[in-house]
Amino acid sequence: MKRFISRFRANKPKDQSSSNLDHSGISNNESFSEDLEANLKFVKESLGNSTDLITREFTLRIQGSEQRAAVLFIDGLVDTTMIQDFIIRTLTNKDLIGEKQADSETDLLTAIKNHAVSIAEINELSTFKELLSSILKGDTVILLDRCRLGIAAGTAGWEGRGVEAPEDQTVVRGPRDAFTENLRTNTALIRRKVKSPNLWLLTKTIGTVSQTNVSIMYIKGIAEEQVIKEVTQRLDSIQINGILESGNIEELIEDKTVTPFPTIYNTERLDVIAAGLMEGRVAILVDGTPFVLLVPALFIHYFQAAEDYYQRADFGLLRMLRALCFAIALLGPSFYIAITTFHPEMLPSPLIISIASGREGVPFPAFIEALLMETIFEILREAGVRMPRAIGQTVSIVGALVIGQAAVEAGLISPEMVIVVAITAISSFALPSYNFGIAVRILRFPLMALAAVVGLYGIFIGVGLILIHLCGLKSFGMPYMAPFAPFNLEDQKDSLFRLPKVGLRMQSQSIGKKNKRK
């Protein structure tokens, strides 16, 4: 035991303040040294002598005198052509700095910024922490000998995926451009759609290790100030090592985590985000993912598709069809279990006789049948998603047909149950939002259990509890069930129904209330 305690004390981590020191005792928060070699050595040791750190030392000629300098950047994060043409080539030209002799390091840096570096984005650096942060985000840093200041030039440029058609939430008629993994490309796409000076952008850095850029976009004068303030506060309160996808942000800032229903909308469609901004909502963009978050998100938003506004008005026929698919996907197996187990008298005699003959020889009760088939289908669906796209869909379809037919022929499952499960699965695919469909899949199983215990009474109890839960949810202060609870007559024109655009002249009162014109 004493040996273990002594070993533990020997391996005890040092104080947190010492973790920012290199071998020479220099801290990340300290200013640069006047010795260029010492500065370069510290940067190399801070990055573990990584081979992708490129340092280029050269000599500046200023009015006949020489000044040692160096540029640092990370290979793969920068545009090397820009560095070569607009930094190194101009800095190494003879007597380029101008006529006035630089009397101080500030004058020298000003002369370089004004006469040598032909790049739009330039910032001054004074600490190693700022230097490391700059080169790791794609900037090129210029350091001078006998100078305690540096220059960071914006030279970020790396290979990325181009703007392509969205893979999720596809439409027959409508725009075909979707977001990419590049944050600046995504903000530019939104500005191309919404050319308003009131479209404001705020960028934060979240993640102590990943240092991920997260941007907030909203239209000043339309979005509610309280919602903007709430989004900003929740993002500032995040303490985490890294943000790799917008889903990490979503889980950390949502109003209630213990709920199957999503309270933050996410999409990769550019037109959906642009429309949401003009409705008064706030967009949250995360660098490295094409999925953008949109808040507040209401229950009715998950039944609306972008194509609803591009086709002629159908007065909500397609939305009501999606609501019907939602009910079937949620309650289909439960109703079958309840009626065949407890309430067969509700069906016509020929139909109940047909169901009874189909179930003859099946060794399991209806609940076990449904549970078995639903589980098999969820396995096939998950396998189809994870498998290569070329064969994933084929395997899921063929697997469902083969397993269903074999189960019926073996007498393990009734044909009626296969039909019910198939209709339920197809109905779940009609929902525009994938994560909303996950909530339906989760709730389907407890409703099946309630139906197996007390029949239709159990279904009514389960649906009542779900409605109570939904009415208690909020999305950034907005009631989740608006405009139904609380009821708003004006917003019914564009909720479950969709009137022609002539009747949609006013902005939704459930979200933004500053600009009534839609």
Protein backbone atom coordinates (compact mmCIF):
# COMPACT_ATOMS: atom_id res chain seq x y z
CA MET A 1 0.00 0.00 0.00
CA LYS A 2 2.82 2.44 0.86
CA ARG A 3 4.50 1.62 -2.42
CA PHE A 4 1.24 2.35 -4.30
CA ILE A 5 0.78 5.69 -2.48
CA SER A 6 4.34 6.76 -3.21
CA ARG A 7 3.92 5.80 -6.86
CA PHE A 8 0.63 7.73 -7.03
CA ARG A 9 2.27 10.82 -5.58
CA ALA A 10 5.14 10.52 -8.01
CA ASN A 11 2.75 10.35 -10.95
CA LYS A 12 0.41 13.07 -9.65
CA PRO A 13 -0.19 15.69 -12.38
CA LYS A 14 1.44 19.02 -11.95
CA ASP A 15 -0.42 22.21 -11.24
CA GLN A 16 -2.60 23.42 -14.11
CA SER A 17 -0.55 26.56 -14.46
CA SER A 18 2.52 24.52 -15.32
CA SER A 19 0.78 22.68 -18.18
CA ASN A 20 1.17 25.76 -20.40
CA LEU A 21 4.96 25.82 -20.02
CA ASP A 22 7.45 24.39 -22.50
CA HIS A 23 10.82 22.94 -21.54
CA SER A 24 12.40 26.38 -21.40
CA GLY A 25 9.80 27.67 -18.96
CA ILE A 26 8.01 29.97 -21.43
CA SER A 27 4.24 30.19 -21.00
CA ASN A 28 1.68 30.22 -23.81
CA ASN A 29 0.27 33.42 -22.33
CA GLU A 30 3.61 35.21 -22.33
CA SER A 31 4.68 37.76 -24.92
CA PHE A 32 7.19 37.01 -27.63
CA SER A 33 10.89 37.07 -26.94
CA GLU A 34 13.14 39.49 -28.82
CA ASP A 35 15.15 36.48 -29.99
CA LEU A 36 13.63 35.05 -33.18
CA GLU A 37 15.31 31.68 -32.69
CA ALA A 38 13.83 31.33 -29.20
CA ASN A 39 10.35 32.14 -30.54
CA LEU A 40 10.64 29.58 -33.33
CA LYS A 41 11.95 26.95 -30.93
CA PHE A 42 9.03 27.49 -28.56
CA VAL A 43 6.44 27.19 -31.33
CA LYS A 44 8.01 23.97 -32.63
CA GLU A 45 8.14 22.43 -29.16
CA SER A 46 4.57 23.52 -28.41
CA LEU A 47 3.40 21.59 -31.47
CA GLY A 48 5.55 18.58 -30.68
CA ASN A 49 7.93 19.27 -33.60
CA SER A 50 5.09 18.34 -35.93
CA THR A 51 6.19 17.81 -39.50
CA ASP A 52 3.29 19.80 -40.95
CA LEU A 53 4.55 23.01 -39.29
CA ILE A 54 6.40 24.94 -42.00
CA THR A 55 8.87 27.67 -41.04
CA ARG A 56 10.57 29.84 -43.66
CA GLU A 57 13.35 32.14 -42.50
CA PHE A 58 14.60 35.01 -44.67
CA THR A 59 16.14 38.47 -44.46
CA LEU A 60 14.36 41.78 -44.96
CA ARG A 61 16.20 44.73 -46.44
CA ILE A 62 15.04 48.04 -45.01
CA GLN A 63 16.82 51.13 -46.29
CA GLY A 64 20.11 49.26 -46.62
CA SER A 65 19.85 47.51 -43.25
CA GLU A 66 18.97 43.85 -42.77
CA GLN A 67 16.27 42.37 -40.52
CA ARG A 68 15.85 38.65 -39.91
CA ALA A 69 12.28 37.38 -40.21
CA ALA A 70 10.33 34.15 -40.51
CA VAL A 71 6.89 32.98 -41.58
CA LEU A 72 5.08 30.05 -39.95
CA PHE A 73 2.05 28.11 -41.17
CA ILE A 74 0.50 24.66 -41.07
CA ASP A 75 0.74 22.73 -44.31
CA GLY A 76 -2.70 21.75 -45.58
CA LEU A 77 -4.55 24.56 -43.79
CA VAL A 78 -3.31 27.40 -45.96
CA ASP A 79 -3.28 28.56 -49.56
CA THR A 80 0.41 28.19 -50.40
CA THR A 81 0.04 30.21 -53.61
CA MET A 82 -1.24 33.18 -51.61
CA ILE A 83 1.69 32.89 -49.18
CA GLN A 84 4.24 32.72 -51.97
CA ASP A 85 2.81 35.58 -54.05
CA PHE A 86 1.55 38.03 -51.43
CA ILE A 87 3.83 37.46 -48.41
CA ILE A 88 7.21 35.89 -49.14
CA ARG A 89 7.75 37.43 -52.58
CA THR A 90 6.82 40.93 -51.48
CA LEU A 91 8.78 40.75 -48.22
CA THR A 92 11.97 39.57 -49.91
CA ASN A 93 11.94 42.32 -52.56
CA LYS A 94 14.73 44.83 -52.06
CA ASP A 95 13.90 48.13 -50.32
CA LEU A 96 10.17 47.54 -50.42
CA ILE A 97 9.31 49.07 -47.04
CA GLY A 98 9.23 52.69 -48.11
CA GLU A 99 11.24 55.82 -47.58
CA LYS A 100 10.86 56.48 -43.83
CA GLN A 101 13.26 54.61 -41.60
CA ALA A 102 11.45 52.41 -39.03
CA ASP A 103 12.41 53.80 -35.62
CA SER A 104 10.50 51.22 -33.54
CA GLU A 105 8.98 47.76 -33.85
CA THR A 106 5.53 49.33 -34.18
CA ASP A 107 6.73 51.45 -37.12
CA LEU A 108 8.29 48.36 -38.69
CA LEU A 109 5.11 46.29 -38.36
CA THR A 110 3.01 49.16 -39.71
CA ALA A 111 5.33 49.51 -42.69
CA ILE A 112 5.10 45.77 -43.42
CA LYS A 113 1.30 45.79 -43.16
CA ASN A 114 0.96 48.88 -45.33
CA HIS A 115 3.61 48.24 -47.98
CA ALA A 116 4.49 44.55 -48.09
CA VAL A 117 1.71 42.13 -47.19
CA SER A 118 -1.05 42.35 -49.81
CA ILE A 119 -3.69 40.38 -47.88
CA ALA A 120 -6.99 41.78 -46.66
CA GLU A 121 -7.17 40.18 -43.19
CA ILE A 122 -4.20 41.16 -40.99
CA ASN A 123 -3.98 41.11 -37.18
CA GLU A 124 -1.22 41.92 -34.73
CA LEU A 125 -0.07 39.25 -32.25
CA SER A 126 1.69 39.69 -28.95
CA THR A 127 1.46 36.32 -27.14
CA PHE A 128 2.25 32.73 -28.02
CA LYS A 129 -1.35 31.76 -27.29
CA GLU A 130 -2.56 34.09 -30.03
CA LEU A 131 0.13 32.77 -32.37
CA LEU A 132 -0.76 29.12 -31.88
CA SER A 133 -4.46 29.84 -32.27
CA SER A 134 -3.82 31.75 -35.50
CA ILE A 135 -1.67 29.17 -37.26
CA LEU A 136 -3.99 26.32 -36.23
CA LYS A 137 -6.94 28.02 -37.92
CA GLY A 138 -5.04 28.55 -41.18
CA ASP A 139 -3.32 31.93 -40.76
CA THR A 140 0.29 32.65 -41.68
CA VAL A 141 2.32 34.30 -38.91
CA ILE A 142 5.22 36.69 -39.58
CA LEU A 143 7.82 37.06 -36.81
CA LEU A 144 10.75 39.50 -36.74
CA ASP A 145 14.02 39.40 -34.87
CA ARG A 146 14.36 41.93 -32.02
CA CYS A 147 10.59 42.46 -32.11
CA ARG A 148 8.02 41.43 -29.49
CA LEU A 149 5.07 41.67 -31.90
CA GLY A 150 3.96 39.52 -34.82
CA ILE A 151 1.56 39.64 -37.75
CA ALA A 152 -1.13 37.07 -38.61
CA ALA A 153 -2.29 37.12 -42.23
CA GLY A 154 -5.49 35.35 -43.23
CA THR A 155 -4.37 32.69 -45.70
CA ALA A 156 -6.75 29.86 -44.83
CA GLY A 157 -7.48 27.60 -47.74
CA TRP A 158 -7.96 23.84 -47.77
CA GLU A 159 -9.66 21.23 -49.86
CA GLY A 160 -13.35 20.86 -49.17
CA ARG A 161 -16.55 19.44 -50.59
CA GLY A 162 -18.35 21.68 -53.06
CA VAL A 163 -21.96 22.79 -52.92
CA GLU A 164 -24.10 19.78 -53.82
CA ALA A 165 -27.74 18.74 -53.74
CA PRO A 166 -29.06 17.84 -50.27
CA GLU A 167 -29.15 14.15 -49.48
CA ASP A 168 -31.86 14.58 -46.87
CA GLN A 169 -35.24 16.34 -47.24
CA THR A 170 -35.25 16.10 -51.02
CA VAL A 171 -37.91 17.92 -53.05
CA VAL A 172 -39.38 17.59 -56.53
CA ARG A 173 -39.44 21.35 -57.08
CA GLY A 174 -37.11 23.77 -55.35
CA PRO A 175 -33.44 24.77 -54.93
CA ARG A 176 -30.83 22.04 -55.13
CA ASP A 177 -28.03 23.67 -53.10
CA ALA A 178 -27.12 22.45 -49.62
CA PHE A 179 -24.64 23.45 -46.96
CA THR A 180 -21.09 22.13 -46.82
CA GLU A 181 -18.58 21.47 -44.03
CA ASN A 182 -16.98 24.91 -44.44
CA LEU A 183 -18.41 27.55 -42.10
CA ARG A 184 -17.50 30.54 -44.25
CA THR A 185 -18.99 28.91 -47.33
CA ASN A 186 -22.24 28.33 -45.44
CA THR A 187 -22.51 31.93 -44.22
CA ALA A 188 -21.83 33.15 -47.76
CA LEU A 189 -24.58 30.90 -49.13
CA ILE A 190 -27.05 32.39 -46.64
CA ARG A 191 -26.02 35.95 -47.52
CA ARG A 192 -26.54 35.14 -51.18
CA LYS A 193 -30.14 34.22 -50.35
CA VAL A 194 -30.79 37.03 -47.86
CA LYS A 195 -29.12 40.21 -49.15
CA SER A 196 -30.07 42.38 -46.20
CA PRO A 197 -27.77 44.57 -44.08
CA ASN A 198 -29.88 43.52 -41.10
CA LEU A 199 -28.61 39.94 -41.41
CA TRP A 200 -26.13 39.93 -38.55
CA LEU A 201 -23.44 37.35 -37.80
CA LEU A 202 -21.78 36.59 -34.47
CA THR A 203 -18.98 34.00 -34.22
CA LYS A 204 -17.74 32.25 -31.08
CA THR A 205 -15.04 29.68 -30.40
CA ILE A 206 -16.25 26.66 -28.41
CA GLY A 207 -14.20 23.69 -27.24
CA THR A 208 -11.05 23.93 -25.18
CA VAL A 209 -9.29 21.40 -27.44
CA SER A 210 -11.07 21.53 -30.80
CA GLN A 211 -11.45 25.37 -30.84
CA THR A 212 -14.48 25.05 -33.12
CA ASN A 213 -15.99 28.18 -34.65
CA VAL A 214 -19.72 28.48 -34.04
CA SER A 215 -21.72 31.28 -35.68
CA ILE A 216 -25.10 32.77 -34.84
CA MET A 217 -27.10 34.37 -37.67
CA TYR A 218 -30.30 36.35 -37.33
CA ILE A 219 -32.11 39.27 -38.94
CA LYS A 220 -32.04 42.33 -36.73
CA GLY A 221 -35.51 43.78 -36.30
CA ILE A 222 -37.32 40.50 -37.00
CA ALA A 223 -35.82 38.03 -34.54
CA GLU A 224 -36.81 38.41 -30.90
CA GLU A 225 -34.09 39.99 -28.77
CA GLN A 226 -34.90 37.60 -25.93
CA VAL A 227 -34.30 34.57 -28.15
CA ILE A 228 -30.99 36.01 -29.42
CA LYS A 229 -29.87 36.70 -25.86
CA GLU A 230 -30.88 33.20 -24.73
CA VAL A 231 -28.99 31.53 -27.59
CA THR A 232 -25.88 33.58 -26.83
CA GLN A 233 -25.99 32.79 -23.13
CA ARG A 234 -26.44 29.07 -23.66
CA LEU A 235 -23.53 28.91 -26.11
CA ASP A 236 -21.31 30.86 -23.70
CA SER A 237 -22.12 28.42 -20.91
CA ILE A 238 -20.81 25.38 -22.83
CA GLN A 239 -17.70 23.87 -21.24
CA ILE A 240 -16.47 20.93 -23.30
CA ASN A 241 -13.25 19.67 -24.86
CA GLY A 242 -14.48 19.55 -28.44
CA ILE A 243 -17.38 20.19 -30.78
CA LEU A 244 -17.27 17.87 -33.79
CA GLU A 245 -20.83 18.26 -35.09
CA SER A 246 -23.86 20.47 -34.57
CA GLY A 247 -25.49 17.58 -32.68
CA ASN A 248 -23.04 18.23 -29.82
CA ILE A 249 -24.27 21.81 -29.63
CA GLU A 250 -27.91 20.75 -29.95
CA GLU A 251 -27.77 18.44 -26.95
CA LEU A 252 -26.02 21.01 -24.79
CA ILE A 253 -28.35 23.97 -25.39
CA GLU A 254 -31.80 22.40 -25.73
CA ASP A 255 -34.44 23.30 -23.14
CA LYS A 256 -35.15 19.75 -22.00
CA THR A 257 -32.95 16.74 -22.61
CA VAL A 258 -35.28 14.10 -21.14
CA THR A 259 -37.69 14.05 -24.07
CA PRO A 260 -37.83 12.02 -27.28
CA PHE A 261 -39.04 15.03 -29.28
CA PRO A 262 -36.46 17.37 -30.84
CA THR A 263 -36.80 20.99 -29.74
CA ILE A 264 -34.10 22.29 -32.11
CA TYR A 265 -34.60 21.96 -35.85
CA ASN A 266 -31.67 20.85 -37.99
CA THR A 267 -31.37 20.77 -41.76
CA GLU A 268 -28.81 20.90 -44.55
CA ARG A 269 -31.18 22.77 -46.89
CA LEU A 270 -30.16 26.37 -47.52
CA ASP A 271 -33.67 27.57 -48.42
CA VAL A 272 -35.13 26.24 -45.15
CA ILE A 273 -32.61 28.23 -43.09
CA ALA A 274 -33.15 31.38 -45.17
CA ALA A 275 -36.91 31.11 -44.74
CA GLY A 276 -36.53 30.50 -41.02
CA LEU A 277 -34.38 33.61 -40.62
CA MET A 278 -36.98 35.72 -42.39
CA GLU A 279 -39.62 34.29 -40.06
CA GLY A 280 -37.68 35.56 -37.05
CA ARG A 281 -35.76 32.46 -36.04
CA VAL A 282 -32.06 32.19 -35.21
CA ALA A 283 -29.61 29.95 -37.09
CA ILE A 284 -26.62 28.29 -35.42
CA LEU A 285 -23.83 27.18 -37.78
CA VAL A 286 -20.97 24.92 -36.70
CA ASP A 287 -17.72 24.64 -38.60
CA GLY A 288 -17.16 21.12 -39.92
CA THR A 289 -20.78 20.03 -40.49
CA PRO A 290 -23.39 20.76 -43.18
CA PHE A 291 -26.27 20.54 -40.69
CA VAL A 292 -27.42 23.94 -39.40
CA LEU A 293 -29.56 24.39 -36.29
CA LEU A 294 -32.66 26.60 -36.27
CA VAL A 295 -34.38 27.87 -33.13
CA PRO A 296 -37.05 28.12 -31.88
CA ALA A 297 -38.49 24.89 -33.31
CA LEU A 298 -42.18 24.08 -32.89
CA PHE A 299 -44.01 20.77 -33.16
CA ILE A 300 -45.80 21.78 -36.36
CA HIS A 301 -42.50 22.61 -38.10
CA TYR A 302 -41.69 18.90 -38.37
CA PHE A 303 -44.72 18.35 -40.60
CA GLN A 304 -43.79 21.14 -43.01
CA ALA A 305 -41.56 20.61 -46.03
CA ALA A 306 -39.81 23.21 -48.17
CA GLU A 307 -41.78 22.06 -51.20
CA ASP A 308 -45.04 23.17 -49.57
CA TYR A 309 -44.20 26.75 -50.54
CA TYR A 310 -42.95 26.02 -54.07
CA GLN A 311 -45.99 24.14 -55.39
CA ARG A 312 -49.46 25.58 -55.76
CA ALA A 313 -51.40 25.83 -52.52
CA ASP A 314 -53.13 22.55 -51.63
CA PHE A 315 -54.73 24.01 -48.47
CA GLY A 316 -52.66 21.69 -46.30
CA LEU A 317 -53.59 18.39 -47.94
CA LEU A 318 -50.00 17.10 -47.90
CA ARG A 319 -49.44 18.30 -44.35
CA MET A 320 -52.58 16.55 -43.16
CA LEU A 321 -51.39 13.45 -45.00
CA ARG A 322 -48.09 13.66 -43.09
CA ALA A 323 -50.03 14.07 -39.83
CA LEU A 324 -51.99 10.91 -40.72
CA CYS A 325 -48.71 9.09 -41.42
CA PHE A 326 -47.45 10.28 -38.02
CA ALA A 327 -50.53 8.79 -36.32
CA ILE A 328 -50.19 5.50 -38.23
CA ALA A 329 -46.47 5.22 -37.50
CA LEU A 330 -47.08 5.91 -33.82
CA LEU A 331 -50.30 3.97 -33.18
CA GLY A 332 -50.64 1.38 -35.98
CA PRO A 333 -49.24 -1.69 -34.21
CA SER A 334 -50.82 -0.61 -30.91
CA PHE A 335 -54.32 -0.48 -32.37
CA TYR A 336 -53.85 -3.88 -34.00
CA ILE A 337 -52.71 -5.40 -30.70
CA ALA A 338 -55.54 -3.78 -28.71
CA ILE A 339 -58.32 -4.73 -31.15
CA THR A 340 -57.23 -8.32 -31.79
CA THR A 341 -56.55 -8.97 -28.09
CA PHE A 342 -59.25 -7.06 -26.18
CA HIS A 343 -61.79 -5.57 -28.59
CA PRO A 344 -62.46 -7.95 -31.50
CA GLU A 345 -66.15 -6.99 -31.39
CA MET A 346 -65.24 -3.60 -32.90
CA LEU A 347 -64.43 -5.23 -36.25
CA PRO A 348 -66.93 -6.62 -38.77
CA SER A 349 -67.45 -10.37 -38.49
CA PRO A 350 -65.94 -11.26 -41.89
CA LEU A 351 -62.80 -9.24 -41.07
CA ILE A 352 -62.33 -10.72 -37.61
CA ILE A 353 -62.83 -14.23 -39.03
CA SER A 354 -60.16 -13.52 -41.67
CA ILE A 355 -57.73 -12.27 -39.01
CA ALA A 356 -58.46 -15.26 -36.77
CA SER A 357 -57.81 -17.69 -39.61
CA GLY A 358 -54.54 -15.93 -40.41
CA ARG A 359 -53.43 -16.19 -36.80
CA GLU A 360 -54.30 -19.88 -36.58
CA GLY A 361 -51.17 -21.81 -35.70
CA VAL A 362 -49.16 -18.71 -34.66
CA PRO A 363 -47.51 -19.61 -31.32
CA PHE A 364 -47.11 -16.03 -30.06
CA PRO A 365 -49.63 -13.45 -28.85
CA ALA A 366 -50.14 -10.30 -30.93
CA PHE A 367 -47.82 -8.21 -28.76
CA ILE A 368 -44.89 -10.63 -29.13
CA GLU A 369 -45.58 -10.78 -32.87
CA ALA A 370 -45.49 -7.01 -33.21
CA LEU A 371 -42.44 -6.69 -30.97
CA LEU A 372 -40.57 -9.32 -32.98
CA MET A 373 -41.43 -7.80 -36.36
CA GLU A 374 -40.72 -4.23 -35.27
CA THR A 375 -37.36 -5.26 -33.86
CA ILE A 376 -36.41 -7.11 -37.05
CA PHE A 377 -37.43 -4.14 -39.16
CA GLU A 378 -35.42 -1.71 -37.02
CA ILE A 379 -32.38 -3.99 -37.41
CA LEU A 380 -32.83 -4.03 -41.18
CA ARG A 381 -33.27 -0.26 -41.30
CA GLU A 382 -30.12 0.33 -39.24
CA ALA A 383 -28.17 -2.14 -41.35
CA GLY A 384 -29.32 -0.39 -44.52
CA VAL A 385 -28.10 2.95 -43.19
CA ARG A 386 -24.67 1.67 -42.10
CA MET A 387 -23.94 -0.45 -45.16
CA PRO A 388 -22.43 1.01 -48.35
CA ARG A 389 -25.02 3.08 -50.16
CA ALA A 390 -24.85 1.00 -53.33
CA ILE A 391 -26.15 -2.11 -51.56
CA GLY A 392 -27.66 -0.80 -48.33
CA GLN A 393 -31.12 0.00 -49.68
CA THR A 394 -31.27 -3.24 -51.66
CA VAL A 395 -30.30 -5.34 -48.66
CA SER A 396 -32.91 -3.71 -46.42
CA ILE A 397 -35.73 -4.17 -48.94
CA VAL A 398 -34.81 -7.72 -49.94
CA GLY A 399 -34.14 -8.67 -46.32
CA ALA A 400 -37.58 -7.44 -45.24
CA LEU A 401 -39.31 -9.35 -48.05
CA VAL A 402 -37.39 -12.57 -47.49
CA ILE A 403 -37.67 -12.56 -43.70
CA GLY A 404 -41.35 -11.59 -43.76
CA GLN A 405 -42.26 -14.28 -46.28
CA ALA A 406 -40.21 -16.92 -44.47
CA ALA A 407 -41.76 -16.00 -41.10
CA VAL A 408 -45.29 -16.28 -42.50
CA GLU A 409 -44.61 -19.62 -44.21
CA ALA A 410 -43.03 -20.97 -41.02
CA GLY A 411 -46.15 -20.01 -39.06
CA LEU A 412 -44.28 -17.71 -36.69
CA ILE A 413 -45.98 -14.49 -37.83
CA SER A 414 -49.45 -13.86 -39.22
CA PRO A 415 -49.81 -12.18 -42.65
CA GLU A 416 -51.88 -9.37 -41.10
CA MET A 417 -49.03 -8.46 -38.76
CA VAL A 418 -46.61 -8.21 -41.69
CA ILE A 419 -49.03 -5.82 -43.42
CA VAL A 420 -49.43 -3.68 -40.30
CA VAL A 421 -45.67 -3.42 -39.72
CA ALA A 422 -45.04 -2.61 -43.40
CA ILE A 423 -47.65 0.18 -43.44
CA THR A 424 -46.20 1.54 -40.19
CA ALA A 425 -42.69 1.61 -41.61
CA ILE A 426 -43.74 3.29 -44.86
CA SER A 427 -45.69 5.91 -42.90
CA SER A 428 -42.63 6.76 -40.81
CA PHE A 429 -40.67 7.51 -43.99
CA ALA A 430 -43.24 10.16 -44.98
CA LEU A 431 -42.12 12.47 -42.14
CA PRO A 432 -39.77 15.19 -43.50
CA SER A 433 -37.47 15.23 -40.45
CA TYR A 434 -35.33 12.20 -39.63
CA ASN A 435 -34.83 12.98 -35.93
CA PHE A 436 -38.57 13.52 -35.48
CA GLY A 437 -39.09 10.05 -36.92
CA ILE A 438 -36.74 8.67 -34.27
CA ALA A 439 -39.09 10.03 -31.59
CA VAL A 440 -41.98 8.15 -33.21
CA ARG A 441 -39.98 4.94 -33.31
CA ILE A 442 -39.09 5.27 -29.61
CA LEU A 443 -42.66 5.94 -28.45
CA ARG A 444 -44.15 3.15 -30.53
CA PHE A 445 -42.85 0.42 -28.22
CA PRO A 446 -44.28 1.68 -24.88
CA LEU A 447 -47.63 2.28 -26.60
CA MET A 448 -47.58 -1.31 -27.83
CA ALA A 449 -46.93 -2.48 -24.26
CA LEU A 450 -49.85 -0.39 -22.93
CA ALA A 451 -52.12 -1.78 -25.64
CA ALA A 452 -51.11 -5.33 -24.69
CA VAL A 453 -51.95 -4.70 -21.03
CA VAL A 454 -55.27 -2.78 -21.07
CA GLY A 455 -56.19 -2.45 -24.74
CA LEU A 456 -57.57 0.82 -26.10
CA TYR A 457 -57.64 2.31 -22.61
CA GLY A 458 -53.87 1.95 -22.47
CA ILE A 459 -53.50 3.68 -25.84
CA PHE A 460 -55.67 6.59 -24.67
CA ILE A 461 -53.62 6.88 -21.48
CA GLY A 462 -50.36 6.83 -23.45
CA VAL A 463 -51.56 9.42 -25.96
CA GLY A 464 -52.81 11.62 -23.12
CA LEU A 465 -49.43 11.48 -21.39
CA ILE A 466 -47.68 12.33 -24.66
CA LEU A 467 -49.95 15.36 -25.20
CA ILE A 468 -49.35 16.56 -21.64
CA HIS A 469 -45.61 16.18 -22.18
CA LEU A 470 -45.76 18.07 -25.49
CA CYS A 471 -47.73 20.94 -23.97
CA GLY A 472 -45.08 21.29 -21.27
CA LEU A 473 -42.17 21.56 -23.70
CA LYS A 474 -40.61 24.85 -24.77
CA SER A 475 -38.05 25.78 -27.38
CA PHE A 476 -36.04 28.80 -26.24
CA GLY A 477 -39.01 30.19 -24.38
CA MET A 478 -41.60 29.48 -27.09
CA PRO A 479 -44.38 26.93 -26.38
CA TYR A 480 -43.62 23.78 -28.36
CA MET A 481 -47.25 23.18 -29.35
CA ALA A 482 -47.87 26.73 -30.64
CA PRO A 483 -50.05 27.80 -32.43
CA PHE A 484 -52.38 25.05 -31.08
CA ALA A 485 -51.54 25.42 -27.38
CA PRO A 486 -51.78 28.33 -26.78
CA PHE A 487 -54.23 28.69 -29.64
CA ASN A 488 -53.57 31.45 -32.18
CA LEU A 489 -56.18 31.87 -34.89
CA GLU A 490 -54.02 34.00 -37.17
CA ASP A 491 -51.23 31.39 -37.32
CA GLN A 492 -53.62 28.61 -38.32
CA LYS A 493 -53.33 29.89 -41.89
CA ASP A 494 -49.85 28.35 -42.14
CA SER A 495 -49.76 25.51 -39.64
CA LEU A 496 -51.54 22.27 -40.39
CA PHE A 497 -53.21 24.10 -43.28
CA ARG A 498 -51.54 26.24 -45.92
CA LEU A 499 -53.57 28.99 -47.51
CA PRO A 500 -52.52 30.59 -50.81
CA LYS A 501 -49.77 33.19 -50.52
CA VAL A 502 -52.32 35.97 -50.85
CA GLY A 503 -53.62 34.99 -47.42
CA LEU A 504 -50.12 34.68 -45.88
CA ARG A 505 -49.21 38.34 -45.73
CA MET A 506 -48.53 38.46 -42.01
CA GLN A 507 -45.57 36.97 -40.15
CA SER A 508 -46.14 34.15 -37.68
CA GLN A 509 -47.03 35.57 -34.28
CA SER A 510 -45.70 32.49 -32.48
CA ILE A 511 -42.05 33.35 -33.18
CA GLY A 512 -41.26 36.88 -34.37
CA LYS A 513 -43.51 39.82 -33.54
CA LYS A 514 -41.49 42.77 -34.69
CA ASN A 515 -42.12 42.71 -38.42
CA LYS A 516 -45.70 41.76 -39.14
CA ARG A 517 -45.23 41.76 -42.90
CA LYS A 518 -44.21 38.26 -44.05
